[in-house]
Amino acid sequence: MAGRCIRALRRLWLITPLLGALPLSTQAQETLTWLVRDLPPMTILEGPQKGQGSVDKLLPLLIEHLPQYRHQILHVNRARGMQMLLAPSFTCDPSLVWTPARAKTIVFSGPAFAMLSNGIAIRRNQQDALAPYVADGTFDLAKLLQAQQLRLGVVAERSYGPGVDEQLSHADPRWLAPHYGNDALGSLLQMQRLGRLEAVLGYWTEIRYQAAQQGMDPQDLLFYPIKGMPRYQRIHIGCSNTALGRQAISYINRELQNIPQEALLESYANGLDPLKRAQYLKDNPSFFSETPLP
């Protein structure tokens, strides 16, 4: 009996070192939940271009480079996604704008890519009425909010960048029209078409895409950058601020350096008009420098 026990222990001693050498897929893995929103042209969940967005292309590459985790993708709206990120969970959002407020409760990667900043979309037939807020090709958002005469459509819980968020935080809520639904931007554009609000805040590529999805002619809309805002916004990956989330971000930062950017940039640039597309691709070398984007 004693001999059999000794032989069993010897076999265990021989096997134990090998367990650490087994592939990660055979060991217990944590499940990383990716929170994905319908945000064309970064993520496209429906229609003929489904899966062709820049984040649609980035996410499979990230998953491939992070074999130490199991991965699941969950489609959420902005409000639900923020709730999950702030909970004690293991979740990450692959398309998040960094803000000082968010950085207190969410851990962020370095820049994943950059896109044209948010702006204001108005209907062409409202151009004269909104002319007092337009100068030198930009829209004076602060002036609009201070006037307290026109309603602005926004997606609830979305960050439009620190500068714009700051202006919105001081606005009279009566003149903001936040929408919480899964198709928030499309609904806001319909409200604008019906005259229930005068301006919509968002990304021009997203607005054009959603307008077409709603049966509208994007040519009926005019888009203006916001006065005083940078031309581009960096997009980051944000994870829940837990031990697992912080560890995942360290891995993600390492792997972002190994993922080719060309296909991601081309995918986004294809949604721009020719002039903006050429400028965007030309500015590419500055996207990941330490200096602020122009």
Protein backbone atom coordinates (compact mmCIF):
# COMPACT_ATOMS: atom_id res chain seq x y z
CA MET A 1 0.00 0.00 0.00
CA ALA A 2 2.76 2.42 0.96
CA GLY A 3 4.57 1.59 -2.28
CA ARG A 4 1.54 2.41 -4.37
CA CYS A 5 1.17 5.79 -2.58
CA ILE A 6 4.82 6.65 -3.21
CA ARG A 7 4.52 5.74 -6.91
CA ALA A 8 1.35 7.87 -7.20
CA LEU A 9 3.10 10.83 -5.59
CA ARG A 10 6.03 10.49 -7.97
CA ARG A 11 3.67 10.54 -10.97
CA LEU A 12 2.00 13.67 -9.55
CA TRP A 13 5.37 15.38 -9.14
CA LEU A 14 6.16 14.60 -12.77
CA ILE A 15 2.80 15.84 -14.06
CA THR A 16 2.54 19.07 -12.05
CA PRO A 17 5.27 21.02 -13.92
CA LEU A 18 3.61 20.08 -17.20
CA LEU A 19 0.29 21.70 -16.22
CA GLY A 20 1.85 25.15 -16.43
CA ALA A 21 3.01 24.41 -19.95
CA LEU A 22 -0.44 23.48 -21.25
CA PRO A 23 -1.98 25.86 -23.79
CA LEU A 24 -4.10 28.62 -22.31
CA SER A 25 -7.16 27.20 -24.05
CA THR A 26 -6.97 24.12 -21.80
CA GLN A 27 -6.77 26.14 -18.59
CA ALA A 28 -9.52 28.07 -16.81
CA GLN A 29 -10.03 31.43 -18.52
CA GLU A 30 -11.87 34.58 -17.54
CA THR A 31 -14.61 35.77 -19.89
CA LEU A 32 -14.14 39.29 -21.25
CA THR A 33 -17.43 40.85 -22.38
CA TRP A 34 -17.12 43.40 -25.19
CA LEU A 35 -19.84 46.07 -25.18
CA VAL A 36 -20.62 47.00 -28.78
CA ARG A 37 -22.95 49.78 -29.90
CA ASP A 38 -24.40 50.54 -33.30
CA LEU A 39 -22.12 53.45 -34.20
CA PRO A 40 -21.57 53.60 -37.96
CA PRO A 41 -19.09 53.79 -39.52
CA MET A 42 -17.17 52.34 -36.56
CA THR A 43 -19.64 49.55 -35.81
CA ILE A 44 -22.41 48.53 -38.21
CA LEU A 45 -24.80 45.96 -36.78
CA GLU A 46 -27.39 45.78 -39.58
CA GLY A 47 -27.76 46.25 -43.32
CA PRO A 48 -25.57 45.50 -46.35
CA GLN A 49 -22.45 46.96 -44.66
CA LYS A 50 -22.89 44.90 -41.50
CA GLY A 51 -19.55 44.11 -39.90
CA GLN A 52 -17.59 46.48 -42.17
CA GLY A 53 -16.96 49.26 -39.69
CA SER A 54 -13.50 50.17 -38.38
CA VAL A 55 -14.24 48.80 -34.89
CA ASP A 56 -15.87 45.75 -36.51
CA LYS A 57 -12.45 45.08 -38.04
CA LEU A 58 -10.45 46.03 -34.94
CA LEU A 59 -12.32 43.85 -32.46
CA PRO A 60 -11.60 40.44 -34.08
CA LEU A 61 -7.92 41.39 -34.27
CA LEU A 62 -7.88 42.28 -30.58
CA ILE A 63 -9.65 39.04 -29.69
CA GLU A 64 -7.12 37.09 -31.73
CA HIS A 65 -4.29 38.84 -29.87
CA LEU A 66 -5.80 38.10 -26.44
CA PRO A 67 -6.03 34.30 -26.30
CA GLN A 68 -5.71 34.32 -22.52
CA TYR A 69 -9.42 35.21 -22.30
CA ARG A 70 -12.70 33.82 -23.48
CA HIS A 71 -14.57 36.54 -25.36
CA GLN A 72 -18.22 37.36 -25.76
CA ILE A 73 -19.79 40.30 -27.60
CA LEU A 74 -22.87 42.02 -26.23
CA HIS A 75 -24.86 44.62 -28.21
CA VAL A 76 -25.94 47.49 -25.94
CA ASN A 77 -27.04 51.10 -26.17
CA ARG A 78 -24.84 53.83 -24.71
CA ALA A 79 -26.68 54.08 -21.39
CA ARG A 80 -26.65 50.32 -20.76
CA GLY A 81 -23.00 50.08 -21.77
CA MET A 82 -21.99 52.73 -19.24
CA GLN A 83 -23.96 50.99 -16.49
CA MET A 84 -22.08 47.76 -17.14
CA LEU A 85 -18.67 49.45 -17.30
CA LEU A 86 -19.26 51.09 -13.94
CA ALA A 87 -20.39 47.84 -12.32
CA PRO A 88 -17.87 45.42 -10.72
CA SER A 89 -17.69 43.34 -13.90
CA PHE A 90 -15.15 42.31 -16.52
CA THR A 91 -16.33 44.37 -19.48
CA CYS A 92 -14.64 46.50 -22.12
CA ASP A 93 -15.90 49.01 -24.70
CA PRO A 94 -13.78 49.12 -27.89
CA SER A 95 -14.94 52.63 -28.94
CA LEU A 96 -14.88 55.05 -26.04
CA VAL A 97 -14.02 58.74 -25.83
CA TRP A 98 -11.73 59.60 -22.91
CA THR A 99 -12.94 62.29 -20.51
CA PRO A 100 -11.63 63.33 -17.08
CA ALA A 101 -14.92 62.26 -15.46
CA ARG A 102 -14.87 58.83 -17.07
CA ALA A 103 -11.21 58.30 -16.19
CA LYS A 104 -12.19 58.35 -12.49
CA THR A 105 -14.24 55.17 -12.85
CA ILE A 106 -13.07 53.49 -16.10
CA VAL A 107 -9.56 52.38 -17.07
CA PHE A 108 -8.54 53.45 -20.58
CA SER A 109 -6.09 52.17 -23.16
CA GLY A 110 -3.90 54.39 -25.23
CA PRO A 111 -5.43 55.69 -28.49
CA ALA A 112 -6.84 52.92 -30.70
CA PHE A 113 -7.54 55.23 -33.64
CA ALA A 114 -8.87 58.71 -34.38
CA MET A 115 -11.92 60.09 -36.14
CA LEU A 116 -13.36 63.45 -37.10
CA SER A 117 -14.84 65.21 -34.10
CA ASN A 118 -18.53 65.66 -33.43
CA GLY A 119 -20.40 68.53 -34.98
CA ILE A 120 -23.86 69.98 -35.56
CA ALA A 121 -26.26 68.78 -38.25
CA ILE A 122 -29.11 71.04 -39.35
CA ARG A 123 -31.68 70.71 -42.13
CA ARG A 124 -30.86 72.66 -45.25
CA ASN A 125 -34.23 74.41 -45.13
CA GLN A 126 -33.28 75.75 -41.66
CA GLN A 127 -30.02 77.27 -42.85
CA ASP A 128 -31.24 80.88 -42.74
CA ALA A 129 -32.83 80.50 -39.29
CA LEU A 130 -29.59 79.10 -37.84
CA ALA A 131 -27.24 81.44 -39.70
CA PRO A 132 -26.59 83.58 -36.57
CA TYR A 133 -24.82 80.58 -35.02
CA VAL A 134 -22.53 79.87 -37.99
CA ALA A 135 -19.28 81.74 -38.66
CA ASP A 136 -16.21 80.79 -40.69
CA GLY A 137 -17.65 77.36 -41.39
CA THR A 138 -18.07 76.43 -37.72
CA PHE A 139 -21.10 76.29 -35.44
CA ASP A 140 -21.13 78.29 -32.20
CA LEU A 141 -22.64 75.72 -29.84
CA ALA A 142 -22.16 77.90 -26.76
CA LYS A 143 -24.12 80.71 -28.37
CA LEU A 144 -26.95 78.33 -29.31
CA LEU A 145 -27.19 76.97 -25.76
CA GLN A 146 -27.11 80.45 -24.23
CA ALA A 147 -29.86 81.70 -26.55
CA GLN A 148 -32.35 79.17 -25.11
CA GLN A 149 -34.52 79.34 -28.20
CA LEU A 150 -33.78 76.14 -30.15
CA ARG A 151 -33.71 72.48 -29.12
CA LEU A 152 -30.61 70.34 -29.59
CA GLY A 153 -30.84 66.56 -29.98
CA VAL A 154 -28.22 64.47 -28.14
CA VAL A 155 -27.68 60.77 -27.47
CA ALA A 156 -28.12 60.17 -23.73
CA GLU A 157 -25.00 59.12 -21.77
CA ARG A 158 -22.73 59.71 -24.77
CA SER A 159 -19.57 61.78 -24.44
CA TYR A 160 -18.97 64.21 -27.28
CA GLY A 161 -15.50 65.05 -26.03
CA PRO A 162 -14.47 67.04 -22.93
CA GLY A 163 -15.00 70.48 -24.51
CA VAL A 164 -18.49 69.79 -25.80
CA ASP A 165 -19.48 67.86 -22.65
CA GLU A 166 -18.53 70.88 -20.57
CA GLN A 167 -20.79 73.15 -22.61
CA LEU A 168 -23.68 70.69 -22.42
CA SER A 169 -23.30 70.38 -18.64
CA HIS A 170 -24.15 74.07 -18.26
CA ALA A 171 -27.08 74.04 -20.68
CA ASP A 172 -30.69 74.49 -19.59
CA PRO A 173 -32.15 70.94 -19.81
CA ARG A 174 -35.30 72.36 -21.40
CA TRP A 175 -33.36 73.00 -24.60
CA LEU A 176 -31.73 69.58 -24.80
CA ALA A 177 -33.51 66.53 -26.23
CA PRO A 178 -31.66 63.43 -24.96
CA HIS A 179 -32.64 60.08 -26.47
CA TYR A 180 -31.94 56.78 -24.69
CA GLY A 181 -33.10 54.22 -27.27
CA ASN A 182 -31.05 51.71 -29.23
CA ASP A 183 -31.65 53.74 -32.40
CA ALA A 184 -31.21 57.07 -30.64
CA LEU A 185 -29.58 59.03 -33.44
CA GLY A 186 -32.03 57.80 -36.08
CA SER A 187 -34.92 58.82 -33.82
CA LEU A 188 -33.38 62.25 -33.26
CA LEU A 189 -33.07 62.79 -37.01
CA GLN A 190 -36.74 61.90 -37.42
CA MET A 191 -37.64 64.37 -34.67
CA GLN A 192 -35.60 67.00 -36.50
CA ARG A 193 -37.37 66.25 -39.79
CA LEU A 194 -40.72 66.69 -38.05
CA GLY A 195 -39.65 70.06 -36.62
CA ARG A 196 -39.53 68.90 -32.99
CA LEU A 197 -35.89 70.00 -32.67
CA GLU A 198 -33.63 72.19 -34.77
CA ALA A 199 -30.14 70.70 -34.49
CA VAL A 200 -28.57 67.29 -33.83
CA LEU A 201 -25.15 66.68 -32.29
CA GLY A 202 -23.07 63.79 -33.59
CA TYR A 203 -20.44 62.45 -35.96
CA TRP A 204 -21.04 63.42 -39.59
CA THR A 205 -20.33 59.94 -40.95
CA GLU A 206 -22.77 58.46 -38.44
CA ILE A 207 -25.41 61.10 -39.18
CA ARG A 208 -25.18 60.53 -42.94
CA TYR A 209 -25.46 56.78 -42.48
CA GLN A 210 -28.41 56.98 -40.10
CA ALA A 211 -30.22 59.52 -42.27
CA ALA A 212 -30.06 57.11 -45.21
CA GLN A 213 -31.27 54.28 -42.96
CA GLN A 214 -34.26 56.43 -42.00
CA GLY A 215 -35.16 57.04 -45.64
CA MET A 216 -33.87 60.61 -45.64
CA ASP A 217 -31.62 62.21 -48.23
CA PRO A 218 -28.33 63.14 -46.49
CA GLN A 219 -28.06 66.01 -48.98
CA ASP A 220 -30.93 67.67 -47.09
CA LEU A 221 -28.60 68.05 -44.09
CA LEU A 222 -25.73 70.46 -43.48
CA PHE A 223 -22.94 69.66 -41.05
CA TYR A 224 -20.68 72.09 -39.19
CA PRO A 225 -17.69 71.47 -36.91
CA ILE A 226 -18.12 73.01 -33.47
CA LYS A 227 -16.30 76.26 -32.84
CA GLY A 228 -13.15 75.83 -30.76
CA MET A 229 -13.09 72.02 -30.90
CA PRO A 230 -10.16 69.97 -32.30
CA ARG A 231 -10.48 68.48 -35.77
CA TYR A 232 -10.12 64.90 -34.56
CA GLN A 233 -11.03 62.85 -31.51
CA ARG A 234 -8.98 59.94 -30.27
CA ILE A 235 -10.96 56.77 -29.63
CA HIS A 236 -9.85 54.49 -26.80
CA ILE A 237 -10.73 51.11 -25.36
CA GLY A 238 -12.23 51.39 -21.90
CA CYS A 239 -12.58 48.57 -19.35
CA SER A 240 -14.22 48.24 -15.97
CA ASN A 241 -11.91 49.55 -13.26
CA THR A 242 -11.37 46.20 -11.58
CA ALA A 243 -8.28 44.04 -11.18
CA LEU A 244 -9.27 42.08 -14.29
CA GLY A 245 -10.06 45.24 -16.26
CA ARG A 246 -6.74 46.87 -15.37
CA GLN A 247 -4.83 43.74 -16.31
CA ALA A 248 -6.70 43.51 -19.63
CA ILE A 249 -5.81 47.11 -20.48
CA SER A 250 -2.11 46.36 -19.94
CA TYR A 251 -2.39 43.51 -22.45
CA ILE A 252 -4.49 45.65 -24.85
CA ASN A 253 -1.95 48.49 -24.82
CA ARG A 254 0.76 46.03 -25.76
CA GLU A 255 -1.24 44.46 -28.56
CA LEU A 256 -2.41 47.76 -30.05
CA GLN A 257 1.19 48.30 -31.07
CA ASN A 258 1.10 45.06 -33.09
CA ILE A 259 -2.19 45.59 -34.96
CA PRO A 260 -1.88 47.11 -38.47
CA GLN A 261 -3.81 50.37 -38.72
CA GLU A 262 -4.13 50.65 -42.50
CA ALA A 263 -7.31 48.58 -42.90
CA LEU A 264 -8.97 50.31 -39.93
CA LEU A 265 -8.20 53.78 -41.26
CA GLU A 266 -9.36 52.91 -44.77
CA SER A 267 -12.59 51.45 -43.42
CA TYR A 268 -13.38 54.69 -41.58
CA ALA A 269 -12.16 56.95 -44.38
CA ASN A 270 -14.46 55.26 -46.88
CA GLY A 271 -17.40 56.95 -45.12
CA LEU A 272 -15.99 60.44 -45.72
CA ASP A 273 -16.34 62.71 -48.72
CA PRO A 274 -13.24 62.80 -50.98
CA LEU A 275 -11.72 65.97 -49.50
CA LYS A 276 -12.15 64.92 -45.87
CA ARG A 277 -10.96 61.42 -46.73
CA ALA A 278 -7.71 62.70 -48.27
CA GLN A 279 -7.06 65.00 -45.30
CA TYR A 280 -7.81 62.25 -42.78
CA LEU A 281 -5.38 59.80 -44.36
CA LYS A 282 -2.76 62.54 -44.70
CA ASP A 283 -3.03 63.35 -41.00
CA ASN A 284 -2.65 59.69 -40.03
CA PRO A 285 1.01 59.96 -38.87
CA SER A 286 0.00 62.41 -36.12
CA PHE A 287 -2.81 60.28 -34.70
CA PHE A 288 -0.70 58.39 -32.18
CA SER A 289 1.93 60.99 -31.37
CA GLU A 290 2.21 62.44 -27.90
CA THR A 291 1.23 65.92 -29.08
CA PRO A 292 -2.45 66.93 -29.27
CA LEU A 293 -4.19 66.35 -32.56
CA PRO A 294 -4.84 69.46 -34.71
